[in-house]
Amino acid sequence: MMEKTTIDDSLTAAMSVSDRSFDELPRTHRHSFFKRSKCRSSSIINIEDLPAEERIKAAKFDIDGNGTLDKIELAMMHYDKDGDGQLGLDEVHRIVEEHLHDRHNISAMKKVIVGLTCFVFVLSLSNLGTSIASALLVKDTTADYETAEMKIAGTSDVMGTQTSAETFTALEMDADTRRARRAMVVESLKANPWGEHAHRRLGKGGDGCKGKKCDGNISFDTNYMSQDSAEKIKAKCDLGRVVNIRRSFPGGMVKNDNLCKTGASVVVKEKQVKRKKGNGKGKNRIGFDMVVTSDGKDTLFECDGKNCYMSGTNLLQTHGQPCNTVHGNDDCAAGLVCIKDVNDSSGKCLSNYDTATWYVAWDWNNSGKPQCVQDCNGNNPNCGGFAGNWDEMFSSHTLCCNTHLSYLTGVGRGDYSQCVPDYDFIKNGE
């Protein structure tokens, strides 16, 4: 007679294994077996539906005697290793061992879940705090578009923030502007050769000159920028910001110089003002002079209402640094001359006086006219500077005569009628 079954073939096959084969199954397989039994038979198995060889063993674990095995009774049956219907110490030990292992895993999972929950909670609080701080910052601050600063709302106090250096570009003057600016400086020095001038900072006090006639190095204008840019620089330097000046030289060379930083001094002198038309009492500012001093170096801005012309020791190049030969030695520090670099289209500030012996003799042979001559032997009051109060030598006859002398005499470019050439020098290729 065929055995009666009510569960599927896979479950019947799994439950018909011997006690030894079930005990040898891995723990995960046994859990999977009980899980399938639970899902497919609603945790209840009729003993009559089991194969004949399983019924006797199953009947021993039918505790309530209702002819069925629930999931607990079924588990007990399959933990019965020897099939005597009793769970011995070894079998109980195995049950307890698995129970403790599962409880440990559950405890570990609970800790992980609690940790993740706390982490998410902390992140939520952090995001909430950031949002609140941003809202308060927006409410309590305002932006100053003129100085690019964040200020406390309703006050002029600047909030302390960390900023990076800002760089302004100094532009190159055209030849006519450079000529006019240089002539203006020289004419003012001719009127008062030994007086203090914006382009010559006299060293007084300490180790400086203590006499009435104090000579000093002359710094002619090298570059310019708009007055709007200079006013922005003033505002930033007053606040101790880091400001740099970028200049370009022939051959694509670019030089960045620090203009000001924390501790820099800014001195501004208004030049001219005029009243606005109408009944108002306001004034229009025409221009101003500004001297920025940082690390012992000065940068002078002479502003005319539109542009600011720049000079000063901070803009003078040191030995080996680039210069523009068209400017003569105006780009170089005292004692250096701008000599063309054979490997580059620009010049370099060098101390090679062997090739820099040209200078302006202001009263050549008592003629009352300045001339470009060569070979300053040191016996003259100076080498080029008016009235002997500064030295100025050039690396070539062309630079001395055409570029610089014409600034002062009005001689057209290329007209050397007032120059005294060195014929040997010209014959050798100048």
Protein backbone atom coordinates (compact mmCIF):
# COMPACT_ATOMS: atom_id res chain seq x y z
CA MET A 1 0.00 0.00 0.00
CA MET A 2 1.39 3.48 -0.99
CA GLU A 3 2.38 5.82 1.81
CA LYS A 4 0.10 8.86 2.19
CA THR A 5 1.86 12.22 2.03
CA THR A 6 0.66 15.80 2.21
CA ILE A 7 3.94 17.73 1.88
CA ASP A 8 6.05 18.11 -1.25
CA ASP A 9 8.69 15.64 -2.31
CA SER A 10 11.63 17.83 -1.36
CA LEU A 11 10.45 18.20 2.24
CA THR A 12 9.71 14.46 2.50
CA ALA A 13 13.15 13.61 1.17
CA ALA A 14 14.80 15.99 3.61
CA MET A 15 12.89 14.59 6.59
CA SER A 16 13.63 10.98 5.68
CA VAL A 17 17.34 11.28 6.23
CA SER A 18 18.89 9.23 8.99
CA ASP A 19 19.81 10.70 12.35
CA ARG A 20 23.50 10.52 11.54
CA SER A 21 23.15 12.18 8.15
CA PHE A 22 21.13 15.05 9.71
CA ASP A 23 23.69 15.51 12.46
CA GLU A 24 26.45 15.72 9.86
CA LEU A 25 24.70 18.54 7.99
CA PRO A 26 26.27 22.00 8.45
CA ARG A 27 24.43 24.24 10.87
CA THR A 28 23.32 26.61 8.12
CA HIS A 29 21.80 23.70 6.21
CA ARG A 30 19.86 22.56 9.28
CA HIS A 31 18.51 26.07 9.80
CA SER A 32 17.51 26.15 6.15
CA PHE A 33 15.78 22.79 6.56
CA PHE A 34 13.71 23.98 9.55
CA LYS A 35 12.91 27.20 7.73
CA ARG A 36 11.56 25.30 4.74
CA SER A 37 9.54 23.08 7.04
CA LYS A 38 8.03 26.12 8.71
CA CYS A 39 7.18 27.89 5.44
CA ARG A 40 5.72 24.91 3.62
CA SER A 41 3.68 23.23 6.38
CA SER A 42 2.74 26.18 8.60
CA SER A 43 5.04 24.70 11.32
CA ILE A 44 2.73 21.65 11.75
CA ILE A 45 3.50 18.18 10.39
CA ASN A 46 1.12 15.24 10.64
CA ILE A 47 2.88 12.15 11.90
CA GLU A 48 0.67 9.98 9.68
CA ASP A 49 2.03 11.79 6.65
CA LEU A 50 5.59 10.77 7.43
CA PRO A 51 7.23 7.63 6.04
CA ALA A 52 6.78 4.54 8.19
CA GLU A 53 10.38 4.52 9.43
CA GLU A 54 9.98 8.09 10.72
CA ARG A 55 6.62 7.69 12.47
CA ILE A 56 7.91 5.76 15.51
CA LYS A 57 10.62 8.32 16.16
CA ALA A 58 8.23 11.21 15.61
CA ALA A 59 5.64 9.73 17.99
CA LYS A 60 8.17 9.87 20.82
CA PHE A 61 8.35 13.69 20.47
CA ASP A 62 4.60 14.22 20.14
CA ILE A 63 4.43 15.76 23.60
CA ASP A 64 0.77 16.83 23.49
CA GLY A 65 -0.29 13.54 21.77
CA ASN A 66 -2.30 15.23 19.02
CA GLY A 67 -0.64 13.25 16.21
CA THR A 68 1.27 16.25 14.87
CA LEU A 69 4.67 17.79 15.39
CA ASP A 70 5.01 21.54 15.71
CA LYS A 71 8.26 23.29 14.85
CA ILE A 72 9.68 22.87 18.36
CA GLU A 73 8.86 19.15 18.53
CA LEU A 74 10.27 18.70 15.04
CA ALA A 75 13.51 20.41 16.05
CA MET A 76 13.79 18.24 19.16
CA MET A 77 13.31 15.12 17.05
CA HIS A 78 16.13 15.99 14.74
CA TYR A 79 18.45 16.88 17.63
CA ASP A 80 17.89 13.33 18.95
CA LYS A 81 21.12 11.83 17.75
CA ASP A 82 20.59 8.22 18.93
CA GLY A 83 16.83 8.08 18.16
CA ASP A 84 15.78 6.93 21.62
CA GLY A 85 13.22 9.68 22.03
CA GLN A 86 15.32 11.34 24.74
CA LEU A 87 17.81 14.25 24.52
CA GLY A 88 21.02 13.31 26.26
CA LEU A 89 23.68 15.62 27.66
CA ASP A 90 25.62 15.68 24.40
CA GLU A 91 22.51 16.61 22.48
CA VAL A 92 21.48 19.26 25.01
CA HIS A 93 25.04 20.60 24.92
CA ARG A 94 24.80 21.01 21.17
CA ILE A 95 21.48 22.82 21.47
CA VAL A 96 22.83 25.19 24.12
CA GLU A 97 26.00 25.77 22.11
CA GLU A 98 24.04 26.79 19.03
CA HIS A 99 21.71 28.91 21.13
CA LEU A 100 24.59 30.83 22.71
CA HIS A 101 26.24 31.29 19.33
CA ASP A 102 23.05 32.67 17.83
CA ARG A 103 22.50 34.93 20.82
CA HIS A 104 26.04 36.28 20.45
CA ASN A 105 25.41 37.02 16.78
CA ILE A 106 22.13 38.73 17.62
CA SER A 107 23.86 40.83 20.30
CA ALA A 108 26.58 41.86 17.88
CA MET A 109 24.00 42.82 15.28
CA LYS A 110 22.13 44.89 17.87
CA LYS A 111 25.33 46.77 18.70
CA VAL A 112 25.97 47.46 15.02
CA ILE A 113 22.42 48.72 14.58
CA VAL A 114 22.69 50.94 17.68
CA GLY A 115 26.06 52.31 16.47
CA LEU A 116 24.71 53.10 13.02
CA THR A 117 21.66 54.75 14.57
CA CYS A 118 23.87 56.95 16.78
CA PHE A 119 26.09 57.83 13.82
CA VAL A 120 23.11 58.89 11.73
CA PHE A 121 21.82 60.91 14.68
CA VAL A 122 25.15 62.73 15.08
CA LEU A 123 25.26 63.49 11.36
CA SER A 124 21.75 64.86 11.54
CA LEU A 125 22.70 67.12 14.46
CA SER A 126 25.80 68.28 12.59
CA ASN A 127 23.80 69.17 9.50
CA LEU A 128 21.23 70.92 11.65
CA GLY A 129 23.95 72.93 13.41
CA THR A 130 25.52 73.91 10.10
CA SER A 131 22.17 75.05 8.77
CA ILE A 132 21.48 77.12 11.89
CA ALA A 133 24.97 78.68 11.81
CA SER A 134 24.58 79.55 8.12
CA ALA A 135 21.22 81.16 8.79
CA LEU A 136 22.63 83.21 11.67
CA LEU A 137 25.68 84.22 9.61
CA VAL A 138 23.53 85.43 6.75
CA LYS A 139 21.33 87.35 9.18
CA ASP A 140 24.16 89.01 11.11
CA THR A 141 26.56 89.84 8.24
CA THR A 142 26.56 91.94 5.14
CA ALA A 143 28.88 92.10 2.12
CA ASP A 144 30.86 95.24 1.33
CA TYR A 145 31.25 95.16 -2.45
CA GLU A 146 33.80 97.97 -2.52
CA THR A 147 36.33 96.22 -0.30
CA ALA A 148 35.14 92.62 -0.82
CA GLU A 149 34.77 92.15 2.94
CA MET A 150 32.22 90.53 5.21
CA LYS A 151 31.08 92.97 7.90
CA ILE A 152 28.81 92.68 10.93
CA ALA A 153 25.38 93.95 9.95
CA GLY A 154 24.72 97.52 11.00
CA THR A 155 28.39 98.23 11.83
CA SER A 156 31.68 98.84 10.03
CA ASP A 157 33.41 96.01 11.91
CA VAL A 158 35.07 93.44 9.66
CA MET A 159 34.61 89.79 10.50
CA GLY A 160 37.85 87.90 10.96
CA THR A 161 38.30 85.64 7.97
CA GLN A 162 41.29 84.03 6.30
CA THR A 163 41.92 85.30 2.78
CA SER A 164 44.42 84.52 0.07
CA ALA A 165 46.69 87.06 -1.59
CA GLU A 166 45.19 89.23 -4.30
CA THR A 167 47.24 90.28 -7.31
CA PHE A 168 46.90 93.49 -9.32
CA THR A 169 48.51 93.95 -12.73
CA ALA A 170 50.79 96.93 -13.36
CA LEU A 171 50.61 98.07 -16.98
CA GLU A 172 53.40 99.18 -19.33
CA MET A 173 53.54 102.87 -20.25
CA ASP A 174 53.84 103.85 -23.89
CA ALA A 175 56.99 105.66 -25.05
CA ASP A 176 55.48 109.15 -25.06
CA THR A 177 54.02 108.79 -21.57
CA ARG A 178 57.27 107.42 -20.20
CA ARG A 179 59.22 110.27 -21.82
CA ALA A 180 56.87 112.90 -20.38
CA ARG A 181 56.88 111.38 -16.89
CA ARG A 182 60.67 111.16 -16.84
CA ALA A 183 61.07 114.73 -18.01
CA MET A 184 58.67 115.87 -15.29
CA VAL A 185 60.79 114.21 -12.59
CA VAL A 186 64.06 115.62 -13.90
CA GLU A 187 62.66 119.14 -14.24
CA SER A 188 61.48 119.09 -10.65
CA LEU A 189 64.93 117.95 -9.53
CA LYS A 190 66.59 120.69 -11.58
CA ALA A 191 64.52 123.26 -9.73
CA ASN A 192 65.64 121.86 -6.37
CA PRO A 193 68.54 119.43 -6.90
CA TRP A 194 69.08 118.65 -3.23
CA GLY A 195 65.54 118.79 -1.99
CA GLU A 196 63.43 115.86 -0.99
CA HIS A 197 61.32 114.55 -3.80
CA ALA A 198 58.68 111.85 -4.11
CA HIS A 199 60.97 109.93 -6.45
CA ARG A 200 63.94 110.18 -4.09
CA ARG A 201 63.53 109.18 -0.47
CA LEU A 202 66.33 110.97 1.37
CA GLY A 203 67.94 108.96 4.13
CA LYS A 204 67.90 111.15 7.22
CA GLY A 205 68.49 110.22 10.82
CA GLY A 206 70.49 107.30 12.11
CA ASP A 207 73.13 106.42 9.51
CA GLY A 208 71.45 108.63 6.91
CA CYS A 209 72.73 111.89 5.53
CA LYS A 210 72.87 114.72 8.11
CA GLY A 211 74.13 117.51 5.85
CA LYS A 212 72.21 120.00 3.76
CA LYS A 213 73.10 118.26 0.52
CA CYS A 214 71.88 114.69 0.71
CA ASP A 215 71.97 112.75 -2.52
CA GLY A 216 69.87 109.67 -2.99
CA ASN A 217 68.86 107.21 -5.64
CA ILE A 218 66.23 108.30 -8.12
CA SER A 219 63.40 105.92 -8.93
CA PHE A 220 61.64 106.88 -12.14
CA ASP A 221 58.17 105.66 -13.04
CA THR A 222 58.17 102.07 -14.26
CA ASN A 223 54.48 101.17 -14.64
CA TYR A 224 50.97 102.46 -14.14
CA MET A 225 47.46 101.28 -13.29
CA SER A 226 43.99 102.81 -13.08
CA GLN A 227 43.16 104.97 -10.08
CA ASP A 228 40.22 102.68 -9.33
CA SER A 229 42.66 99.79 -8.87
CA ALA A 230 44.93 101.93 -6.68
CA GLU A 231 41.98 102.84 -4.44
CA LYS A 232 41.15 99.16 -4.03
CA ILE A 233 44.78 98.49 -3.14
CA LYS A 234 44.66 101.25 -0.52
CA ALA A 235 41.57 99.74 1.12
CA LYS A 236 43.09 96.26 1.22
CA CYS A 237 46.51 97.39 2.48
CA ASP A 238 44.85 99.46 5.22
CA LEU A 239 43.21 96.24 6.44
CA GLY A 240 46.48 94.29 6.45
CA ARG A 241 45.57 92.14 3.46
CA VAL A 242 48.21 90.53 1.27
CA VAL A 243 48.44 92.32 -2.08
CA ASN A 244 50.88 91.54 -4.90
CA ILE A 245 51.85 93.45 -8.05
CA ARG A 246 52.33 91.56 -11.32
CA ARG A 247 54.57 93.03 -14.03
CA SER A 248 55.46 91.71 -17.48
CA PHE A 249 58.80 92.00 -19.28
CA PRO A 250 59.85 91.28 -22.89
CA GLY A 251 60.09 87.63 -23.80
CA GLY A 252 56.99 86.68 -21.82
CA MET A 253 58.69 86.97 -18.44
CA VAL A 254 56.36 87.80 -15.52
CA LYS A 255 57.38 89.01 -12.06
CA ASN A 256 55.19 89.15 -8.95
CA ASP A 257 56.24 91.45 -6.10
CA ASN A 258 54.59 91.74 -2.72
CA LEU A 259 53.13 95.21 -2.23
CA CYS A 260 51.70 95.00 1.28
CA LYS A 261 50.74 92.63 4.06
CA THR A 262 50.07 92.79 7.79
CA GLY A 263 52.15 95.59 9.30
CA ALA A 264 52.52 97.59 6.07
CA SER A 265 52.33 101.39 6.22
CA VAL A 266 50.04 103.36 3.89
CA VAL A 267 50.38 107.15 3.65
CA VAL A 268 48.01 109.08 1.39
CA LYS A 269 48.21 112.77 0.51
CA GLU A 270 45.35 114.39 -1.35
CA LYS A 271 46.56 116.51 -4.24
CA GLN A 272 43.74 118.61 -5.65
CA VAL A 273 40.03 118.98 -5.12
CA LYS A 274 37.40 121.09 -6.78
CA ARG A 275 33.85 121.77 -5.81
CA LYS A 276 31.02 120.24 -7.73
CA LYS A 277 28.91 122.49 -9.88
CA GLY A 278 25.68 123.72 -8.35
CA ASN A 279 24.74 124.57 -4.82
CA GLY A 280 26.13 121.42 -3.29
CA LYS A 281 29.16 121.52 -1.06
CA GLY A 282 30.61 118.22 -2.20
CA LYS A 283 34.03 117.94 -3.81
CA ASN A 284 35.45 115.91 -6.66
CA ARG A 285 38.81 114.36 -5.93
CA ILE A 286 41.26 114.88 -8.77
CA GLY A 287 44.17 112.80 -7.58
CA PHE A 288 46.37 111.76 -4.67
CA ASP A 289 49.82 110.48 -3.80
CA MET A 290 50.14 107.21 -1.92
CA VAL A 291 53.24 105.57 -0.48
CA VAL A 292 52.99 101.93 0.60
CA THR A 293 55.90 100.73 2.75
CA SER A 294 56.40 97.05 3.51
CA ASP A 295 59.58 95.28 4.66
CA GLY A 296 61.54 98.52 4.25
CA LYS A 297 60.61 98.96 0.58
CA ASP A 298 58.49 101.79 -0.78
CA THR A 299 55.99 101.82 -3.63
CA LEU A 300 54.84 105.24 -4.78
CA PHE A 301 51.54 105.86 -6.58
CA GLU A 302 51.08 109.29 -8.21
CA CYS A 303 47.43 109.49 -9.24
CA ASP A 304 45.99 112.16 -11.52
CA GLY A 305 42.31 111.27 -11.19
CA LYS A 306 42.40 108.62 -13.91
CA ASN A 307 45.70 106.74 -13.74
CA CYS A 308 48.34 106.16 -11.09
CA TYR A 309 52.02 106.09 -12.07
CA MET A 310 54.18 103.76 -10.04
CA SER A 311 57.77 103.94 -8.84
CA GLY A 312 59.82 103.09 -5.77
CA THR A 313 62.43 100.74 -4.41
CA ASN A 314 59.95 97.87 -4.28
CA LEU A 315 59.71 97.88 -8.08
CA LEU A 316 63.47 97.94 -8.73
CA GLN A 317 64.96 94.67 -9.92
CA THR A 318 67.95 93.10 -8.23
CA HIS A 319 70.96 91.41 -9.80
CA GLY A 320 70.00 88.86 -12.47
CA GLN A 321 66.33 89.78 -12.55
CA PRO A 322 64.59 90.76 -15.81
CA CYS A 323 64.38 94.33 -17.08
CA ASN A 324 63.26 96.15 -20.21
CA THR A 325 66.23 97.58 -22.12
CA VAL A 326 63.97 100.25 -23.62
CA HIS A 327 63.66 101.68 -20.10
CA GLY A 328 67.40 102.06 -19.75
CA ASN A 329 68.24 101.31 -16.13
CA ASP A 330 64.94 102.52 -14.69
CA ASP A 331 63.92 98.95 -13.85
CA CYS A 332 67.15 98.17 -11.97
CA ALA A 333 68.28 98.92 -8.44
CA ALA A 334 71.13 101.31 -7.71
CA GLY A 335 74.49 100.14 -9.01
CA LEU A 336 72.95 97.85 -11.65
CA VAL A 337 72.45 98.36 -15.37
CA CYS A 338 69.99 96.72 -17.74
CA ILE A 339 72.02 94.74 -20.27
CA LYS A 340 70.43 92.76 -23.07
CA ASP A 341 70.47 89.03 -22.53
CA VAL A 342 71.87 87.29 -25.61
CA ASN A 343 69.70 84.26 -24.86
CA ASP A 344 66.49 86.20 -24.39
CA SER A 345 64.58 89.13 -25.83
CA SER A 346 64.60 90.90 -22.48
CA GLY A 347 67.44 92.37 -20.48
CA LYS A 348 68.92 91.53 -17.11
CA CYS A 349 69.94 93.80 -14.28
CA LEU A 350 73.69 93.25 -13.92
CA SER A 351 76.65 95.00 -12.36
CA ASN A 352 78.78 94.81 -15.50
CA TYR A 353 80.03 98.38 -15.87
CA ASP A 354 82.48 97.34 -18.61
CA THR A 355 79.59 97.57 -21.06
CA ALA A 356 77.70 100.32 -19.24
CA THR A 357 79.88 103.41 -19.51
CA TRP A 358 77.49 105.73 -21.30
CA TYR A 359 76.03 108.61 -19.32
CA VAL A 360 74.48 112.07 -19.75
CA ALA A 361 76.88 114.97 -19.32
CA TRP A 362 74.51 117.77 -18.43
CA ASP A 363 76.84 120.62 -19.40
CA TRP A 364 79.12 119.15 -22.01
CA ASN A 365 82.19 121.38 -22.53
CA ASN A 366 80.32 124.29 -20.94
CA SER A 367 77.90 124.28 -23.85
CA GLY A 368 74.90 124.36 -21.59
CA LYS A 369 73.51 121.33 -23.41
CA PRO A 370 73.37 117.76 -22.13
CA GLN A 371 75.27 115.19 -24.18
CA CYS A 372 75.63 111.40 -24.16
CA VAL A 373 79.28 110.56 -23.50
CA GLN A 374 81.25 107.51 -22.48
CA ASP A 375 83.85 106.44 -19.93
CA CYS A 376 82.87 107.91 -16.61
CA ASN A 377 86.19 107.84 -14.75
CA GLY A 378 84.85 108.64 -11.32
CA ASN A 379 86.45 112.09 -11.25
CA ASN A 380 83.26 113.79 -12.31
CA PRO A 381 80.74 114.82 -9.66
CA ASN A 382 78.50 112.06 -10.93
CA CYS A 383 77.83 109.87 -13.94
CA GLY A 384 74.69 111.33 -15.42
CA GLY A 385 72.51 112.56 -12.58
CA PHE A 386 71.68 116.25 -12.73
CA ALA A 387 73.87 118.46 -10.52
CA GLY A 388 75.81 115.45 -9.35
CA ASN A 389 73.13 114.12 -7.03
CA TRP A 390 72.67 110.68 -8.57
CA ASP A 391 74.48 108.27 -10.91
CA GLU A 392 72.96 107.04 -14.13
CA MET A 393 74.91 104.96 -16.65
CA PHE A 394 73.63 103.03 -19.64
CA SER A 395 74.71 99.92 -21.47
CA SER A 396 74.71 101.48 -24.94
CA HIS A 397 74.98 104.79 -26.77
CA THR A 398 71.51 104.24 -28.24
CA LEU A 399 69.84 103.82 -24.87
CA CYS A 400 71.56 106.81 -23.39
CA CYS A 401 70.93 109.14 -26.29
CA ASN A 402 67.75 108.05 -28.00
CA THR A 403 65.75 106.71 -25.07
CA HIS A 404 66.77 109.01 -22.22
CA LEU A 405 68.38 112.16 -23.52
CA SER A 406 65.44 112.76 -25.85
CA TYR A 407 63.16 112.79 -22.82
CA LEU A 408 64.87 115.96 -21.65
CA THR A 409 65.92 117.79 -24.82
CA GLY A 410 62.96 117.11 -27.06
CA VAL A 411 65.18 115.52 -29.67
CA GLY A 412 63.18 113.28 -31.97
CA ARG A 413 63.77 109.58 -31.79
CA GLY A 414 66.66 108.62 -34.02
CA ASP A 415 68.15 112.13 -33.99
CA TYR A 416 71.58 111.98 -32.35
CA SER A 417 72.66 115.52 -33.19
CA GLN A 418 73.34 116.31 -29.54
CA CYS A 419 75.09 113.03 -28.79
CA VAL A 420 78.84 112.53 -28.71
CA PRO A 421 79.37 109.00 -30.04
CA ASP A 422 82.30 106.78 -29.26
CA TYR A 423 83.50 106.04 -32.79
CA ASP A 424 85.49 102.96 -31.88
CA PHE A 425 82.44 101.58 -30.14
CA ILE A 426 80.22 102.30 -33.14
CA LYS A 427 82.79 100.87 -35.55
CA ASN A 428 82.82 97.62 -33.57
CA GLY A 429 79.17 97.04 -34.22
CA GLU A 430 77.08 99.24 -31.96
